[in-house]
Amino acid sequence: MTFFKQPLVAIASLLLAAAGQVAVAEVDAAVASQIKAKLAASSPNAQFGEVRESAVNGLYEVDVNGGNVLFVSKDGGHFIAGDLFQVTPERVVNISEQRRGLSRAAVLKGVDLKDMIVYSPKGETKARIYVFTDVDCGYCQKLHNDVPELNRRGIEVRYLAFPRAGVNSVGYRKIATAWCADDPNKTLTDLKNRKNVPLNVCKDNPVAAQYKLGNEAIDVRGTPTIVMEDGTVVPGYVPPETLAKALGI
């Protein structure tokens, strides 16, 4: 049995979804054990994590394969694979995406800042974004051209490497060159501006680890992928004014 990854939220969801913590109720240990045992018996290759009460009576949330969630009956005999939405008088809120956002935010907070290439505002930092980037994609280059404007608006840009063609590609060698450079910020800018930069891949660079993190923990589907501090994902290029509005600036 294969459990499929959920799609990323679009920019519309970013502007409409409510931010906030998802309440977690403690689950009886016997119930949690029964649910996980039933699921594991039918899907021995899947990795099942925490069991939580969901917002729907009689259904439990179960983490599977490091980030996806199943909604499972109390006896573990039935499950629903998909997102859970809450309908309010004002809007529809994707509760599942909120939980994924909390997970993504925690993962990114665990990445050492020195392993990123960071462009910071000269004045007050009002918000921070994480950007999974490749040096050759056109929209990555377009977004990078906006970095001075983003900094002017008080937005710090924290880059993580995501060579689209994988870690055995020329793209990997190019982006690793930026991370290995004496001046990573200038080198990354030169590479994105298509300047001729001699390739230099140093040992113990973080590019492969960040590529893996993007695939497995963030579910990056393409570049650029922007992640807000609260874990909300914006796939693709977004103009500075739209991004600033979404960040509340």
C-alpha atoms as a PDB file:
ATOM      1  CA  MET A   1       0.000   0.000   0.000  1.00  0.00           C
ATOM      2  CA  THR A   2       1.281   3.476  -0.892  1.00  0.00           C
ATOM      3  CA  PHE A   3       0.420   6.651   0.991  1.00  0.00           C
ATOM      4  CA  PHE A   4       0.516   9.712  -1.251  1.00  0.00           C
ATOM      5  CA  LYS A   5       1.831  13.102  -0.260  1.00  0.00           C
ATOM      6  CA  GLN A   6      -0.620  15.965   0.047  1.00  0.00           C
ATOM      7  CA  PRO A   7      -0.424  18.986  -2.302  1.00  0.00           C
ATOM      8  CA  LEU A   8       1.072  22.252  -1.105  1.00  0.00           C
ATOM      9  CA  VAL A   9      -1.164  25.224  -0.373  1.00  0.00           C
ATOM     10  CA  ALA A  10      -1.512  27.966  -2.970  1.00  0.00           C
ATOM     11  CA  ILE A  11      -1.053  31.668  -2.340  1.00  0.00           C
ATOM     12  CA  ALA A  12      -4.820  32.053  -1.959  1.00  0.00           C
ATOM     13  CA  SER A  13      -4.735  29.752   1.041  1.00  0.00           C
ATOM     14  CA  LEU A  14      -1.943  31.853   2.504  1.00  0.00           C
ATOM     15  CA  LEU A  15      -4.078  34.961   2.402  1.00  0.00           C
ATOM     16  CA  LEU A  16      -7.299  33.297   3.624  1.00  0.00           C
ATOM     17  CA  ALA A  17      -6.340  30.545   6.045  1.00  0.00           C
ATOM     18  CA  ALA A  18      -6.346  31.250   9.743  1.00  0.00           C
ATOM     19  CA  ALA A  19      -3.071  30.921  11.541  1.00  0.00           C
ATOM     20  CA  GLY A  20      -2.974  29.343  14.974  1.00  0.00           C
ATOM     21  CA  GLN A  21      -2.142  26.338  17.039  1.00  0.00           C
ATOM     22  CA  VAL A  22      -3.976  23.058  16.518  1.00  0.00           C
ATOM     23  CA  ALA A  23      -5.325  21.638  19.748  1.00  0.00           C
ATOM     24  CA  VAL A  24      -4.034  18.212  20.699  1.00  0.00           C
ATOM     25  CA  ALA A  25      -5.893  15.895  23.084  1.00  0.00           C
ATOM     26  CA  GLU A  26      -4.134  13.012  24.773  1.00  0.00           C
ATOM     27  CA  VAL A  27      -5.164   9.615  23.410  1.00  0.00           C
ATOM     28  CA  ASP A  28      -5.611   6.504  25.526  1.00  0.00           C
ATOM     29  CA  ALA A  29      -2.486   4.379  25.128  1.00  0.00           C
ATOM     30  CA  ALA A  30      -4.480   1.227  24.389  1.00  0.00           C
ATOM     31  CA  VAL A  31      -6.433   2.959  21.610  1.00  0.00           C
ATOM     32  CA  ALA A  32      -3.256   4.389  20.077  1.00  0.00           C
ATOM     33  CA  SER A  33      -1.554   0.988  20.212  1.00  0.00           C
ATOM     34  CA  GLN A  34      -4.539  -0.731  18.596  1.00  0.00           C
ATOM     35  CA  ILE A  35      -4.714   1.777  15.759  1.00  0.00           C
ATOM     36  CA  LYS A  36      -0.997   1.602  14.980  1.00  0.00           C
ATOM     37  CA  ALA A  37      -0.935  -2.189  15.187  1.00  0.00           C
ATOM     38  CA  LYS A  38      -3.841  -2.511  12.737  1.00  0.00           C
ATOM     39  CA  LEU A  39      -2.292  -0.085  10.273  1.00  0.00           C
ATOM     40  CA  ALA A  40       1.172  -1.617  10.550  1.00  0.00           C
ATOM     41  CA  ALA A  41      -0.162  -5.136   9.943  1.00  0.00           C
ATOM     42  CA  SER A  42      -1.541  -4.129   6.547  1.00  0.00           C
ATOM     43  CA  SER A  43       1.290  -1.735   5.633  1.00  0.00           C
ATOM     44  CA  PRO A  44       4.531  -3.023   7.187  1.00  0.00           C
ATOM     45  CA  ASN A  45       6.745  -0.719   5.098  1.00  0.00           C
ATOM     46  CA  ALA A  46       5.023   2.471   6.247  1.00  0.00           C
ATOM     47  CA  GLN A  47       6.254   4.444   9.250  1.00  0.00           C
ATOM     48  CA  PHE A  48       3.506   5.465  11.653  1.00  0.00           C
ATOM     49  CA  GLY A  49       4.037   8.175  14.229  1.00  0.00           C
ATOM     50  CA  GLU A  50       1.924   9.988  16.783  1.00  0.00           C
ATOM     51  CA  VAL A  51      -1.778   9.194  17.243  1.00  0.00           C
ATOM     52  CA  ARG A  52      -3.961  12.189  18.134  1.00  0.00           C
ATOM     53  CA  GLU A  53      -7.652  12.931  18.536  1.00  0.00           C
ATOM     54  CA  SER A  54      -8.918  14.830  15.514  1.00  0.00           C
ATOM     55  CA  ALA A  55     -11.493  17.614  15.390  1.00  0.00           C
ATOM     56  CA  VAL A  56     -14.092  15.036  14.293  1.00  0.00           C
ATOM     57  CA  ASN A  57     -15.546  12.765  16.971  1.00  0.00           C
ATOM     58  CA  GLY A  58     -14.563   9.138  16.434  1.00  0.00           C
ATOM     59  CA  LEU A  59     -11.634   9.841  14.140  1.00  0.00           C
ATOM     60  CA  TYR A  60      -7.974   9.897  15.143  1.00  0.00           C
ATOM     61  CA  GLU A  61      -5.062  11.505  13.350  1.00  0.00           C
ATOM     62  CA  VAL A  62      -2.029   9.330  12.664  1.00  0.00           C
ATOM     63  CA  ASP A  63       1.238  10.606  11.223  1.00  0.00           C
ATOM     64  CA  VAL A  64       2.551   8.419   8.413  1.00  0.00           C
ATOM     65  CA  ASN A  65       5.826   8.485   6.516  1.00  0.00           C
ATOM     66  CA  GLY A  66       7.175  11.592   8.201  1.00  0.00           C
ATOM     67  CA  GLY A  67       4.570  14.253   7.523  1.00  0.00           C
ATOM     68  CA  ASN A  68       1.360  12.942   5.978  1.00  0.00           C
ATOM     69  CA  VAL A  69      -1.696  12.290   8.129  1.00  0.00           C
ATOM     70  CA  LEU A  70      -4.396   9.620   8.073  1.00  0.00           C
ATOM     71  CA  PHE A  71      -7.776   9.956   9.784  1.00  0.00           C
ATOM     72  CA  VAL A  72      -8.453   6.577  11.364  1.00  0.00           C
ATOM     73  CA  SER A  73     -11.395   4.940  13.127  1.00  0.00           C
ATOM     74  CA  LYS A  74     -11.003   3.939  16.766  1.00  0.00           C
ATOM     75  CA  ASP A  75     -10.543   0.263  15.931  1.00  0.00           C
ATOM     76  CA  GLY A  76      -8.006   1.022  13.187  1.00  0.00           C
ATOM     77  CA  GLY A  77     -10.183  -0.754  10.642  1.00  0.00           C
ATOM     78  CA  HIS A  78     -10.914   2.261   8.430  1.00  0.00           C
ATOM     79  CA  PHE A  79      -9.021   5.385   7.462  1.00  0.00           C
ATOM     80  CA  ILE A  80      -9.377   8.448   5.281  1.00  0.00           C
ATOM     81  CA  ALA A  81      -6.347   9.836   3.425  1.00  0.00           C
ATOM     82  CA  GLY A  82      -6.765  13.528   2.757  1.00  0.00           C
ATOM     83  CA  ASP A  83      -7.053  16.951   4.332  1.00  0.00           C
ATOM     84  CA  LEU A  84      -9.519  17.855   7.074  1.00  0.00           C
ATOM     85  CA  PHE A  85     -11.273  21.199   6.650  1.00  0.00           C
ATOM     86  CA  GLN A  86     -13.178  23.222   9.214  1.00  0.00           C
ATOM     87  CA  VAL A  87     -16.193  25.203   7.980  1.00  0.00           C
ATOM     88  CA  THR A  88     -16.785  28.480   9.819  1.00  0.00           C
ATOM     89  CA  PRO A  89     -19.222  31.319   9.037  1.00  0.00           C
ATOM     90  CA  GLU A  90     -16.331  33.401   7.714  1.00  0.00           C
ATOM     91  CA  ARG A  91     -14.196  30.899   5.793  1.00  0.00           C
ATOM     92  CA  VAL A  92     -13.050  27.337   5.262  1.00  0.00           C
ATOM     93  CA  VAL A  93      -9.876  26.467   7.161  1.00  0.00           C
ATOM     94  CA  ASN A  94      -7.554  23.612   6.201  1.00  0.00           C
ATOM     95  CA  ILE A  95      -6.780  22.116   9.610  1.00  0.00           C
ATOM     96  CA  SER A  96      -4.439  19.515   8.123  1.00  0.00           C
ATOM     97  CA  GLU A  97      -2.360  22.214   6.430  1.00  0.00           C
ATOM     98  CA  GLN A  98      -2.135  24.119   9.692  1.00  0.00           C
ATOM     99  CA  ARG A  99      -0.658  21.046  11.365  1.00  0.00           C
ATOM    100  CA  ARG A 100       1.783  20.489   8.486  1.00  0.00           C
ATOM    101  CA  GLY A 101       2.772  24.138   8.816  1.00  0.00           C
ATOM    102  CA  LEU A 102       3.625  23.671  12.495  1.00  0.00           C
ATOM    103  CA  SER A 103       5.786  20.693  11.554  1.00  0.00           C
ATOM    104  CA  ARG A 104       7.582  22.580   8.772  1.00  0.00           C
ATOM    105  CA  ALA A 105       8.205  25.557  11.052  1.00  0.00           C
ATOM    106  CA  ALA A 106       9.757  23.310  13.688  1.00  0.00           C
ATOM    107  CA  VAL A 107      11.983  21.620  11.101  1.00  0.00           C
ATOM    108  CA  LEU A 108      13.270  24.903   9.693  1.00  0.00           C
ATOM    109  CA  LYS A 109      13.925  26.351  13.134  1.00  0.00           C
ATOM    110  CA  GLY A 110      16.209  23.365  13.674  1.00  0.00           C
ATOM    111  CA  VAL A 111      18.418  24.261  10.699  1.00  0.00           C
ATOM    112  CA  ASP A 112      21.558  26.120  11.758  1.00  0.00           C
ATOM    113  CA  LEU A 113      21.500  29.669  10.418  1.00  0.00           C
ATOM    114  CA  LYS A 114      25.165  29.379   9.424  1.00  0.00           C
ATOM    115  CA  ASP A 115      24.190  26.646   6.959  1.00  0.00           C
ATOM    116  CA  MET A 116      21.926  29.054   5.054  1.00  0.00           C
ATOM    117  CA  ILE A 117      22.802  31.963   2.800  1.00  0.00           C
ATOM    118  CA  VAL A 118      21.044  34.921   4.376  1.00  0.00           C
ATOM    119  CA  TYR A 119      20.242  38.375   2.999  1.00  0.00           C
ATOM    120  CA  SER A 120      19.216  40.645   5.879  1.00  0.00           C
ATOM    121  CA  PRO A 121      17.666  44.135   5.914  1.00  0.00           C
ATOM    122  CA  LYS A 122      19.936  46.995   6.923  1.00  0.00           C
ATOM    123  CA  GLY A 123      17.261  48.291   9.260  1.00  0.00           C
ATOM    124  CA  GLU A 124      14.555  46.512  11.265  1.00  0.00           C
ATOM    125  CA  THR A 125      13.781  42.913  10.364  1.00  0.00           C
ATOM    126  CA  LYS A 126       9.985  42.648  10.282  1.00  0.00           C
ATOM    127  CA  ALA A 127       9.676  39.116   8.896  1.00  0.00           C
ATOM    128  CA  ARG A 128      11.747  36.196   7.665  1.00  0.00           C
ATOM    129  CA  ILE A 129      11.190  33.797   4.805  1.00  0.00           C
ATOM    130  CA  TYR A 130      12.944  30.561   3.915  1.00  0.00           C
ATOM    131  CA  VAL A 131      13.495  29.960   0.199  1.00  0.00           C
ATOM    132  CA  PHE A 132      14.466  26.631  -1.336  1.00  0.00           C
ATOM    133  CA  THR A 133      16.340  27.683  -4.441  1.00  0.00           C
ATOM    134  CA  ASP A 134      18.215  26.508  -7.513  1.00  0.00           C
ATOM    135  CA  VAL A 135      20.657  28.747  -9.385  1.00  0.00           C
ATOM    136  CA  ASP A 136      19.426  27.988 -12.910  1.00  0.00           C
ATOM    137  CA  CYS A 137      15.627  28.285 -12.675  1.00  0.00           C
ATOM    138  CA  GLY A 138      14.254  31.494 -14.162  1.00  0.00           C
ATOM    139  CA  TYR A 139      11.833  32.299 -11.350  1.00  0.00           C
ATOM    140  CA  CYS A 140      14.577  31.725  -8.763  1.00  0.00           C
ATOM    141  CA  GLN A 141      16.615  34.345 -10.572  1.00  0.00           C
ATOM    142  CA  LYS A 142      13.593  36.654 -10.741  1.00  0.00           C
ATOM    143  CA  LEU A 143      12.958  36.275  -7.017  1.00  0.00           C
ATOM    144  CA  HIS A 144      16.640  36.901  -6.278  1.00  0.00           C
ATOM    145  CA  ASN A 145      16.458  40.159  -8.211  1.00  0.00           C
ATOM    146  CA  ASP A 146      13.717  41.166  -5.758  1.00  0.00           C
ATOM    147  CA  VAL A 147      15.860  40.507  -2.677  1.00  0.00           C
ATOM    148  CA  PRO A 148      16.976  44.163  -2.315  1.00  0.00           C
ATOM    149  CA  GLU A 149      13.322  45.248  -2.404  1.00  0.00           C
ATOM    150  CA  LEU A 150      12.339  42.541   0.076  1.00  0.00           C
ATOM    151  CA  ASN A 151      15.152  43.706   2.378  1.00  0.00           C
ATOM    152  CA  ARG A 152      13.977  47.298   1.973  1.00  0.00           C
ATOM    153  CA  ARG A 153      10.553  46.203   3.185  1.00  0.00           C
ATOM    154  CA  GLY A 154      12.138  44.564   6.242  1.00  0.00           C
ATOM    155  CA  ILE A 155      11.995  40.975   4.984  1.00  0.00           C
ATOM    156  CA  GLU A 156      14.997  38.741   5.623  1.00  0.00           C
ATOM    157  CA  VAL A 157      15.619  36.063   2.989  1.00  0.00           C
ATOM    158  CA  ARG A 158      17.093  32.778   4.193  1.00  0.00           C
ATOM    159  CA  TYR A 159      18.168  30.533   1.319  1.00  0.00           C
ATOM    160  CA  LEU A 160      18.368  26.755   1.437  1.00  0.00           C
ATOM    161  CA  ALA A 161      19.779  24.790  -1.484  1.00  0.00           C
ATOM    162  CA  PHE A 162      17.537  22.672  -3.691  1.00  0.00           C
ATOM    163  CA  PRO A 163      19.302  21.619  -6.923  1.00  0.00           C
ATOM    164  CA  ARG A 164      16.340  20.542  -9.058  1.00  0.00           C
ATOM    165  CA  ALA A 165      18.252  17.854 -10.962  1.00  0.00           C
ATOM    166  CA  GLY A 166      19.499  16.196  -7.772  1.00  0.00           C
ATOM    167  CA  VAL A 167      22.816  15.816  -6.017  1.00  0.00           C
ATOM    168  CA  ASN A 168      24.570  14.146  -8.947  1.00  0.00           C
ATOM    169  CA  SER A 169      23.973  17.058 -11.302  1.00  0.00           C
ATOM    170  CA  VAL A 170      25.845  20.087 -12.587  1.00  0.00           C
ATOM    171  CA  GLY A 171      23.192  22.148 -10.802  1.00  0.00           C
ATOM    172  CA  TYR A 172      24.328  20.631  -7.513  1.00  0.00           C
ATOM    173  CA  ARG A 173      27.940  21.564  -8.248  1.00  0.00           C
ATOM    174  CA  LYS A 174      26.911  25.119  -9.110  1.00  0.00           C
ATOM    175  CA  ILE A 175      24.858  25.753  -5.990  1.00  0.00           C
ATOM    176  CA  ALA A 176      27.384  23.970  -3.774  1.00  0.00           C
ATOM    177  CA  THR A 177      29.962  26.426  -5.113  1.00  0.00           C
ATOM    178  CA  ALA A 178      27.996  29.246  -3.512  1.00  0.00           C
ATOM    179  CA  TRP A 179      27.802  27.473  -0.172  1.00  0.00           C
ATOM    180  CA  CYS A 180      31.539  26.710  -0.316  1.00  0.00           C
ATOM    181  CA  ALA A 181      32.624  30.227  -1.296  1.00  0.00           C
ATOM    182  CA  ASP A 182      34.445  32.724   0.919  1.00  0.00           C
ATOM    183  CA  ASP A 183      31.616  35.165   0.095  1.00  0.00           C
ATOM    184  CA  PRO A 184      28.506  32.976  -0.331  1.00  0.00           C
ATOM    185  CA  ASN A 185      26.122  35.920  -0.833  1.00  0.00           C
ATOM    186  CA  LYS A 186      28.110  37.448  -3.695  1.00  0.00           C
ATOM    187  CA  THR A 187      28.788  34.057  -5.273  1.00  0.00           C
ATOM    188  CA  LEU A 188      25.118  33.067  -5.189  1.00  0.00           C
ATOM    189  CA  THR A 189      24.199  36.391  -6.773  1.00  0.00           C
ATOM    190  CA  ASP A 190      26.853  35.941  -9.485  1.00  0.00           C
ATOM    191  CA  LEU A 191      25.601  32.415 -10.243  1.00  0.00           C
ATOM    192  CA  LYS A 192      21.996  33.574 -10.475  1.00  0.00           C
ATOM    193  CA  ASN A 193      23.116  36.390 -12.780  1.00  0.00           C
ATOM    194  CA  ARG A 194      24.685  33.731 -15.032  1.00  0.00           C
ATOM    195  CA  LYS A 195      28.226  34.931 -14.476  1.00  0.00           C
ATOM    196  CA  ASN A 196      31.088  32.538 -15.115  1.00  0.00           C
ATOM    197  CA  VAL A 197      32.002  31.281 -11.651  1.00  0.00           C
ATOM    198  CA  PRO A 198      34.617  28.486 -11.308  1.00  0.00           C
ATOM    199  CA  LEU A 199      32.968  25.471  -9.712  1.00  0.00           C
ATOM    200  CA  ASN A 200      34.259  24.465  -6.308  1.00  0.00           C
ATOM    201  CA  VAL A 201      32.526  21.746  -4.287  1.00  0.00           C
ATOM    202  CA  CYS A 202      33.954  21.525  -0.789  1.00  0.00           C
ATOM    203  CA  LYS A 203      33.596  18.629   1.591  1.00  0.00           C
ATOM    204  CA  ASP A 204      30.879  18.674   4.249  1.00  0.00           C
ATOM    205  CA  ASN A 205      28.777  21.312   2.476  1.00  0.00           C
ATOM    206  CA  PRO A 206      25.068  21.271   3.508  1.00  0.00           C
ATOM    207  CA  VAL A 207      23.527  21.149   0.025  1.00  0.00           C
ATOM    208  CA  ALA A 208      22.713  17.428  -0.040  1.00  0.00           C
ATOM    209  CA  ALA A 209      21.210  17.593   3.450  1.00  0.00           C
ATOM    210  CA  GLN A 210      19.069  20.593   2.526  1.00  0.00           C
ATOM    211  CA  TYR A 211      17.928  18.894  -0.678  1.00  0.00           C
ATOM    212  CA  LYS A 212      16.869  15.868   1.371  1.00  0.00           C
ATOM    213  CA  LEU A 213      15.134  18.064   3.928  1.00  0.00           C
ATOM    214  CA  GLY A 214      13.247  19.854   1.155  1.00  0.00           C
ATOM    215  CA  ASN A 215      12.052  16.593  -0.327  1.00  0.00           C
ATOM    216  CA  GLU A 216      11.194  14.743   2.856  1.00  0.00           C
ATOM    217  CA  ALA A 217      10.194  17.317   5.458  1.00  0.00           C
ATOM    218  CA  ILE A 218       8.932  20.290   3.449  1.00  0.00           C
ATOM    219  CA  ASP A 219       7.602  18.518   0.345  1.00  0.00           C
ATOM    220  CA  VAL A 220       9.245  20.909  -2.113  1.00  0.00           C
ATOM    221  CA  ARG A 221       7.776  20.323  -5.566  1.00  0.00           C
ATOM    222  CA  GLY A 222       9.712  22.970  -7.473  1.00  0.00           C
ATOM    223  CA  THR A 223      11.807  26.081  -7.133  1.00  0.00           C
ATOM    224  CA  PRO A 224      11.540  28.600  -5.738  1.00  0.00           C
ATOM    225  CA  THR A 225       9.537  27.347  -2.765  1.00  0.00           C
ATOM    226  CA  ILE A 226       8.949  29.977  -0.095  1.00  0.00           C
ATOM    227  CA  VAL A 227       8.201  28.959   3.486  1.00  0.00           C
ATOM    228  CA  MET A 228       7.000  31.481   6.055  1.00  0.00           C
ATOM    229  CA  GLU A 229       8.113  31.376   9.667  1.00  0.00           C
ATOM    230  CA  ASP A 230       4.794  29.764  10.628  1.00  0.00           C
ATOM    231  CA  GLY A 231       5.433  26.957   8.127  1.00  0.00           C
ATOM    232  CA  THR A 232       3.014  28.170   5.456  1.00  0.00           C
ATOM    233  CA  VAL A 233       4.258  27.251   1.972  1.00  0.00           C
ATOM    234  CA  VAL A 234       4.047  29.468  -1.091  1.00  0.00           C
ATOM    235  CA  PRO A 235       5.127  27.526  -4.186  1.00  0.00           C
ATOM    236  CA  GLY A 236       6.652  29.572  -6.976  1.00  0.00           C
ATOM    237  CA  TYR A 237       7.460  33.226  -7.526  1.00  0.00           C
ATOM    238  CA  VAL A 238       5.542  35.931  -5.659  1.00  0.00           C
ATOM    239  CA  PRO A 239       6.051  39.687  -6.229  1.00  0.00           C
ATOM    240  CA  PRO A 240       7.439  41.644  -3.252  1.00  0.00           C
ATOM    241  CA  GLU A 241       4.244  43.616  -2.664  1.00  0.00           C
ATOM    242  CA  THR A 242       2.134  40.435  -2.545  1.00  0.00           C
ATOM    243  CA  LEU A 243       4.622  38.694  -0.282  1.00  0.00           C
ATOM    244  CA  ALA A 244       4.789  41.684   2.062  1.00  0.00           C
ATOM    245  CA  LYS A 245       0.985  41.785   2.281  1.00  0.00           C
ATOM    246  CA  ALA A 246       0.851  38.074   3.070  1.00  0.00           C
ATOM    247  CA  LEU A 247       3.415  38.628   5.830  1.00  0.00           C
ATOM    248  CA  GLY A 248       1.359  41.457   7.302  1.00  0.00           C
ATOM    249  CA  ILE A 249       3.845  44.158   6.370  1.00  0.00           C
END
